[in-house]
């Protein structure tokens, strides 16, 4: 009976354990590819990697997207698009971020 109970628990738990957790996207598009770092850059706990003008990040502190954008701009240069943990900045927010 105990073996049957353990098998039932494993059968129910296995699909949930195998499903990877989707993290919200964090990305930036740099205005100038020349300002892109050649390696990884860590900003507020987020590890940024860039290819050309397209940069993506993993991890990072919980903070408003506008603050995260200002911190990234200070290290990587101006951006034309910015998304922090699934929250994309508007054109007005991007203008303020790049100021």
N, C-alpha and C. Protein backbone atom coordinates (compact mmCIF):
# COMPACT_ATOMS: atom_id res chain seq x y z
N UNK A 1 0.83 -1.19 0.00
CA UNK A 1 0.00 0.00 0.00
C UNK A 1 0.87 1.26 0.00
N UNK A 2 1.92 1.23 0.80
CA UNK A 2 2.80 2.40 0.88
C UNK A 2 3.49 2.63 -0.46
N UNK A 3 3.89 1.58 -1.14
CA UNK A 3 4.53 1.70 -2.44
C UNK A 3 3.57 2.32 -3.45
N UNK A 4 2.32 1.92 -3.41
CA UNK A 4 1.31 2.48 -4.30
C UNK A 4 1.11 3.97 -4.03
N UNK A 5 1.09 4.35 -2.77
CA UNK A 5 0.93 5.76 -2.40
C UNK A 5 2.11 6.59 -2.90
N UNK A 6 3.32 6.09 -2.73
CA UNK A 6 4.52 6.80 -3.19
C UNK A 6 4.50 6.93 -4.71
N UNK A 7 4.12 5.87 -5.41
CA UNK A 7 4.04 5.91 -6.87
C UNK A 7 3.01 6.94 -7.33
N UNK A 8 1.89 7.03 -6.64
CA UNK A 8 0.85 8.00 -7.00
C UNK A 8 1.35 9.43 -6.80
N UNK A 9 2.05 9.66 -5.71
CA UNK A 9 2.59 11.00 -5.43
C UNK A 9 3.61 11.39 -6.50
N UNK A 10 4.49 10.46 -6.86
CA UNK A 10 5.50 10.75 -7.88
C UNK A 10 4.87 11.00 -9.24
N UNK A 11 3.82 10.27 -9.56
CA UNK A 11 3.15 10.45 -10.84
C UNK A 11 2.52 11.83 -10.95
N UNK A 12 1.99 12.32 -9.84
CA UNK A 12 1.36 13.64 -9.83
C UNK A 12 2.42 14.74 -9.81
N UNK A 13 3.50 14.55 -9.06
CA UNK A 13 4.52 15.59 -8.88
C UNK A 13 5.47 15.70 -10.06
N UNK A 14 5.73 14.64 -10.77
CA UNK A 14 6.73 14.64 -11.83
C UNK A 14 6.47 15.67 -12.93
N UNK A 15 5.26 15.79 -13.49
CA UNK A 15 5.06 16.81 -14.53
C UNK A 15 5.31 18.23 -14.02
N UNK A 16 4.98 18.50 -12.77
CA UNK A 16 5.19 19.83 -12.22
C UNK A 16 6.67 20.10 -12.01
N UNK A 17 7.41 19.11 -11.60
CA UNK A 17 8.84 19.29 -11.38
C UNK A 17 9.58 19.44 -12.70
N UNK A 18 9.10 18.81 -13.75
CA UNK A 18 9.79 18.84 -15.03
C UNK A 18 9.51 20.13 -15.81
N UNK A 19 8.45 20.85 -15.46
CA UNK A 19 8.10 22.06 -16.18
C UNK A 19 8.97 23.22 -15.72
N UNK A 20 9.75 23.81 -16.63
CA UNK A 20 10.60 24.93 -16.22
C UNK A 20 9.76 26.17 -15.92
N UNK A 21 10.23 26.96 -14.99
CA UNK A 21 9.55 28.18 -14.63
C UNK A 21 9.92 29.27 -15.63
N UNK A 22 8.92 29.88 -16.22
CA UNK A 22 9.15 30.97 -17.17
C UNK A 22 9.36 32.27 -16.40
N UNK A 23 10.48 32.91 -16.61
CA UNK A 23 10.73 34.20 -15.98
C UNK A 23 10.38 35.30 -16.97
N UNK A 24 9.83 36.39 -16.48
CA UNK A 24 9.50 37.49 -17.39
C UNK A 24 10.74 38.02 -18.09
N UNK A 25 10.56 38.48 -19.30
CA UNK A 25 11.68 38.95 -20.12
C UNK A 25 12.29 40.23 -19.57
N UNK A 26 13.60 40.30 -19.66
CA UNK A 26 14.35 41.52 -19.35
C UNK A 26 15.29 41.76 -20.51
N UNK A 27 15.11 42.90 -21.19
CA UNK A 27 15.93 43.17 -22.37
C UNK A 27 16.06 44.67 -22.60
N UNK A 28 17.05 45.01 -23.40
CA UNK A 28 17.27 46.40 -23.79
C UNK A 28 17.81 46.43 -25.20
N UNK A 29 17.45 47.45 -25.94
CA UNK A 29 18.03 47.69 -27.26
C UNK A 29 18.84 48.97 -27.16
N UNK A 30 20.14 48.85 -27.36
CA UNK A 30 21.02 50.00 -27.24
C UNK A 30 20.92 50.90 -28.46
N UNK A 31 21.06 52.20 -28.24
CA UNK A 31 21.03 53.15 -29.34
C UNK A 31 22.31 53.07 -30.17
N UNK A 32 23.41 52.67 -29.54
CA UNK A 32 24.71 52.62 -30.22
C UNK A 32 25.39 51.29 -29.91
N UNK A 33 25.60 50.47 -30.93
CA UNK A 33 26.22 49.16 -30.75
C UNK A 33 27.64 49.28 -30.20
N UNK A 34 28.29 50.40 -30.45
CA UNK A 34 29.67 50.59 -29.97
C UNK A 34 29.74 50.63 -28.45
N UNK A 35 28.64 50.98 -27.79
CA UNK A 35 28.63 51.04 -26.33
C UNK A 35 28.34 49.69 -25.69
N UNK A 36 28.02 48.68 -26.49
CA UNK A 36 27.71 47.35 -25.96
C UNK A 36 28.96 46.71 -25.37
N UNK A 37 28.84 46.12 -24.19
CA UNK A 37 30.00 45.46 -23.59
C UNK A 37 30.34 44.18 -24.35
N UNK A 38 31.61 43.80 -24.33
CA UNK A 38 32.01 42.58 -25.03
C UNK A 38 31.71 41.34 -24.20
N UNK A 39 31.67 41.48 -22.91
CA UNK A 39 31.37 40.35 -22.02
C UNK A 39 30.11 40.64 -21.23
N UNK A 40 29.99 39.97 -20.11
CA UNK A 40 28.81 40.21 -19.28
C UNK A 40 29.05 41.39 -18.36
N UNK A 41 27.96 42.06 -18.03
CA UNK A 41 27.99 43.20 -17.13
C UNK A 41 26.90 42.98 -16.09
N UNK A 42 27.22 43.19 -14.83
CA UNK A 42 26.23 43.01 -13.77
C UNK A 42 25.79 44.39 -13.28
N UNK A 43 24.47 44.61 -13.35
CA UNK A 43 23.87 45.86 -12.90
C UNK A 43 22.75 45.51 -11.94
N UNK A 44 22.87 45.92 -10.69
CA UNK A 44 21.86 45.63 -9.66
C UNK A 44 21.49 44.15 -9.59
N UNK A 45 22.47 43.30 -9.71
CA UNK A 45 22.25 41.86 -9.61
C UNK A 45 21.82 41.18 -10.90
N UNK A 46 21.53 41.95 -11.93
CA UNK A 46 21.14 41.38 -13.23
C UNK A 46 22.38 41.22 -14.09
N UNK A 47 22.54 40.04 -14.68
CA UNK A 47 23.67 39.78 -15.56
C UNK A 47 23.25 40.07 -16.99
N UNK A 48 23.84 41.11 -17.57
CA UNK A 48 23.52 41.54 -18.93
C UNK A 48 24.53 41.00 -19.91
N UNK A 49 24.03 40.52 -21.06
CA UNK A 49 24.86 40.06 -22.17
C UNK A 49 24.31 40.70 -23.44
N UNK A 50 25.20 41.22 -24.27
CA UNK A 50 24.77 41.92 -25.48
C UNK A 50 25.37 41.30 -26.73
N UNK A 51 24.57 41.31 -27.79
CA UNK A 51 25.01 40.94 -29.14
C UNK A 51 24.57 42.08 -30.03
N UNK A 52 25.52 42.87 -30.48
CA UNK A 52 25.17 44.07 -31.25
C UNK A 52 24.44 45.04 -30.34
N UNK A 53 23.27 45.48 -30.77
CA UNK A 53 22.50 46.42 -29.95
C UNK A 53 21.49 45.71 -29.05
N UNK A 54 21.33 44.40 -29.20
CA UNK A 54 20.35 43.65 -28.41
C UNK A 54 20.98 43.06 -27.17
N UNK A 55 20.43 43.43 -26.01
CA UNK A 55 20.95 42.94 -24.74
C UNK A 55 19.83 42.23 -23.98
N UNK A 56 20.19 41.16 -23.28
CA UNK A 56 19.25 40.45 -22.43
C UNK A 56 19.89 40.26 -21.06
N UNK A 57 19.03 40.07 -20.06
CA UNK A 57 19.54 39.91 -18.70
C UNK A 57 18.80 38.80 -17.99
N UNK A 58 19.49 38.23 -17.02
CA UNK A 58 18.88 37.26 -16.11
C UNK A 58 19.10 37.76 -14.70
N UNK A 59 18.16 37.42 -13.82
CA UNK A 59 18.28 37.83 -12.43
C UNK A 59 17.96 39.30 -12.25
N UNK A 60 18.44 39.85 -11.16
CA UNK A 60 18.24 41.27 -10.90
C UNK A 60 17.34 41.53 -9.72
N UNK A 61 17.53 42.71 -9.14
CA UNK A 61 16.76 43.12 -7.98
C UNK A 61 15.33 43.47 -8.37
N UNK A 62 14.43 43.35 -7.40
CA UNK A 62 13.06 43.79 -7.61
C UNK A 62 13.04 45.30 -7.45
N UNK A 63 12.75 46.00 -8.52
CA UNK A 63 12.72 47.45 -8.53
C UNK A 63 11.84 47.90 -9.69
N UNK A 64 11.41 49.15 -9.67
CA UNK A 64 10.61 49.64 -10.80
C UNK A 64 11.43 49.60 -12.09
N UNK A 65 10.75 49.36 -13.19
CA UNK A 65 11.42 49.27 -14.49
C UNK A 65 12.12 50.57 -14.85
N UNK A 66 11.55 51.71 -14.46
CA UNK A 66 12.17 52.99 -14.78
C UNK A 66 13.51 53.16 -14.06
N UNK A 67 13.59 52.71 -12.83
CA UNK A 67 14.85 52.80 -12.09
C UNK A 67 15.88 51.86 -12.71
N UNK A 68 15.46 50.64 -13.02
CA UNK A 68 16.37 49.67 -13.63
C UNK A 68 16.92 50.22 -14.94
N UNK A 69 16.06 50.88 -15.72
CA UNK A 69 16.49 51.46 -16.99
C UNK A 69 17.56 52.52 -16.77
N UNK A 70 17.34 53.41 -15.83
CA UNK A 70 18.34 54.46 -15.56
C UNK A 70 19.68 53.86 -15.16
N UNK A 71 19.66 52.79 -14.37
CA UNK A 71 20.90 52.14 -13.93
C UNK A 71 21.61 51.48 -15.12
N UNK A 72 20.84 50.87 -16.02
CA UNK A 72 21.43 50.23 -17.20
C UNK A 72 22.00 51.29 -18.14
N UNK A 73 21.28 52.37 -18.35
CA UNK A 73 21.76 53.44 -19.23
C UNK A 73 23.06 54.03 -18.69
N UNK A 74 23.18 54.14 -17.38
CA UNK A 74 24.41 54.67 -16.78
C UNK A 74 25.62 53.79 -17.10
N UNK A 75 25.40 52.48 -17.24
CA UNK A 75 26.50 51.55 -17.50
C UNK A 75 26.69 51.21 -18.98
N UNK A 76 25.58 51.11 -19.73
CA UNK A 76 25.66 50.62 -21.12
C UNK A 76 25.41 51.69 -22.18
N UNK A 77 24.85 52.81 -21.81
CA UNK A 77 24.53 53.84 -22.78
C UNK A 77 23.03 53.90 -23.07
N UNK A 78 22.62 54.87 -23.87
CA UNK A 78 21.21 55.10 -24.15
C UNK A 78 20.55 53.90 -24.82
N UNK A 79 19.24 53.76 -24.55
CA UNK A 79 18.47 52.64 -25.09
C UNK A 79 17.31 53.17 -25.94
N UNK A 80 16.90 52.36 -26.91
CA UNK A 80 15.73 52.69 -27.73
C UNK A 80 14.52 51.86 -27.33
N UNK A 81 14.76 50.80 -26.54
CA UNK A 81 13.69 49.96 -26.00
C UNK A 81 14.21 49.34 -24.71
N UNK A 82 13.29 49.14 -23.74
CA UNK A 82 13.71 48.56 -22.46
C UNK A 82 12.53 47.81 -21.85
N UNK A 83 12.79 46.57 -21.43
CA UNK A 83 11.79 45.76 -20.73
C UNK A 83 12.45 45.19 -19.49
N UNK A 84 11.82 45.37 -18.34
CA UNK A 84 12.35 44.88 -17.08
C UNK A 84 11.35 43.91 -16.46
N UNK A 85 11.73 42.64 -16.41
CA UNK A 85 10.90 41.58 -15.83
C UNK A 85 9.48 41.61 -16.37
N UNK A 86 9.37 41.77 -17.68
CA UNK A 86 8.08 41.73 -18.35
C UNK A 86 7.38 43.07 -18.51
N UNK A 87 7.92 44.13 -17.92
CA UNK A 87 7.32 45.46 -18.02
C UNK A 87 8.09 46.30 -19.03
N UNK A 88 7.46 46.61 -20.16
CA UNK A 88 8.09 47.41 -21.21
C UNK A 88 7.84 48.89 -20.94
N UNK A 89 8.87 49.70 -21.13
CA UNK A 89 8.73 51.14 -20.94
C UNK A 89 8.08 51.79 -22.15
N UNK A 90 7.30 52.83 -21.88
CA UNK A 90 6.67 53.61 -22.95
C UNK A 90 7.70 54.57 -23.54
N UNK A 91 7.34 55.23 -24.63
CA UNK A 91 8.24 56.21 -25.26
C UNK A 91 8.59 57.33 -24.29
N UNK A 92 7.60 57.80 -23.52
CA UNK A 92 7.85 58.86 -22.54
C UNK A 92 8.82 58.39 -21.45
N UNK A 93 8.63 57.17 -20.98
CA UNK A 93 9.51 56.62 -19.94
C UNK A 93 10.93 56.43 -20.47
N UNK A 94 11.05 56.02 -21.74
CA UNK A 94 12.38 55.87 -22.35
C UNK A 94 13.09 57.21 -22.46
N UNK A 95 12.35 58.25 -22.81
CA UNK A 95 12.94 59.59 -22.90
C UNK A 95 13.47 60.02 -21.55
N UNK A 96 12.69 59.79 -20.50
CA UNK A 96 13.13 60.14 -19.14
C UNK A 96 14.32 59.29 -18.72
N UNK A 97 14.31 58.03 -19.10
CA UNK A 97 15.40 57.12 -18.75
C UNK A 97 16.71 57.56 -19.38
N UNK A 98 16.66 57.98 -20.62
CA UNK A 98 17.86 58.38 -21.35
C UNK A 98 18.36 59.78 -21.00
N UNK A 99 17.55 60.56 -20.28
CA UNK A 99 17.92 61.95 -19.96
C UNK A 99 19.09 62.03 -19.00
